Amino acid sequence: MNLVMATGERLEVRCEQQCFACIGLGDWGWDVGASVGYYTRLLAARVGQEGSVVSCEPSPVNFSQLSKR
């Protein structure tokens, strides 16, 4: 489900822009409540091999999917 703001902009796009404005190559990122890893993968691409991303997910079902990535 995509959340759409009153401006017609998808909420996810705005969140991504704000989150990634302050993270770059070689940085560390945290994805708390990672679900199946959507933002984890985006963060990993942004920080590259020089950086690291830590993901936390309490749901066993989602964690099993996240662990496969």
Protein backbone atom coordinates (compact mmCIF):
# COMPACT_ATOMS: atom_id res chain seq x y z
CA MET A 1 0.00 0.00 0.00
CA ASN A 2 1.38 3.40 -0.92
CA LEU A 3 0.54 6.34 1.27
CA VAL A 4 -0.12 9.49 -0.73
CA MET A 5 0.17 12.93 0.83
CA ALA A 6 -2.16 15.83 0.01
CA THR A 7 0.39 17.03 -2.55
CA GLY A 8 0.08 13.75 -4.44
CA GLU A 9 3.62 12.74 -3.53
CA ARG A 10 4.16 9.19 -2.27
CA LEU A 11 5.17 9.23 1.39
CA GLU A 12 7.89 6.63 0.80
CA VAL A 13 9.66 8.90 -1.69
CA ARG A 14 9.79 11.74 0.81
CA CYS A 15 11.04 9.44 3.58
CA GLU A 16 13.76 8.05 1.32
CA GLN A 17 14.93 11.51 0.32
CA GLN A 18 15.15 12.69 3.92
CA CYS A 19 16.78 9.51 5.21
CA PHE A 20 19.40 9.32 2.50
CA ALA A 21 20.30 13.01 2.46
CA CYS A 22 22.57 12.45 5.46
CA ILE A 23 24.10 9.05 4.69
CA GLY A 24 26.74 8.18 2.15
CA LEU A 25 29.54 5.89 1.09
CA GLY A 26 31.33 4.34 4.04
CA ASP A 27 28.72 5.34 6.64
CA TRP A 28 26.78 3.14 9.05
CA GLY A 29 23.00 2.85 8.92
CA TRP A 30 20.34 1.34 11.18
CA ASP A 31 17.00 -0.06 10.06
CA VAL A 32 14.96 -0.60 13.22
CA GLY A 33 11.74 -2.45 12.55
CA ALA A 34 13.21 -3.59 9.24
CA SER A 35 10.29 -5.80 8.20
CA VAL A 36 11.58 -7.70 5.15
CA GLY A 37 14.43 -5.29 4.43
CA TYR A 38 13.19 -2.70 1.94
CA TYR A 39 15.11 0.16 3.56
CA THR A 40 17.95 -2.18 4.55
CA ARG A 41 18.68 -2.85 0.88
CA LEU A 42 18.43 0.83 -0.03
CA LEU A 43 20.77 1.79 2.82
CA ALA A 44 23.23 -0.96 1.87
CA ALA A 45 23.41 0.35 -1.68
CA ARG A 46 23.97 3.86 -0.37
CA VAL A 47 26.79 3.01 2.11
CA GLY A 48 28.50 0.57 -0.23
CA GLN A 49 31.01 -2.11 0.70
CA GLU A 50 32.93 0.37 2.85
CA GLY A 51 29.92 0.96 5.14
CA SER A 52 27.59 -1.20 7.16
CA VAL A 53 23.86 -1.53 7.85
CA VAL A 54 22.41 -3.07 11.01
CA SER A 55 18.81 -4.29 10.74
CA CYS A 56 16.54 -5.16 13.66
CA GLU A 57 13.22 -6.98 13.22
CA PRO A 58 11.26 -8.55 16.12
CA SER A 59 8.75 -10.54 14.02
CA PRO A 60 10.04 -14.10 13.43
CA VAL A 61 8.20 -14.31 10.09
CA ASN A 62 9.70 -11.05 8.77
CA PHE A 63 13.09 -11.81 10.30
CA SER A 64 13.29 -15.10 8.41
CA GLN A 65 12.77 -13.22 5.14
CA LEU A 66 15.21 -10.47 6.14
CA SER A 67 17.86 -13.05 7.04
CA LYS A 68 17.78 -14.49 3.51
CA ARG A 69 18.88 -11.20 1.98
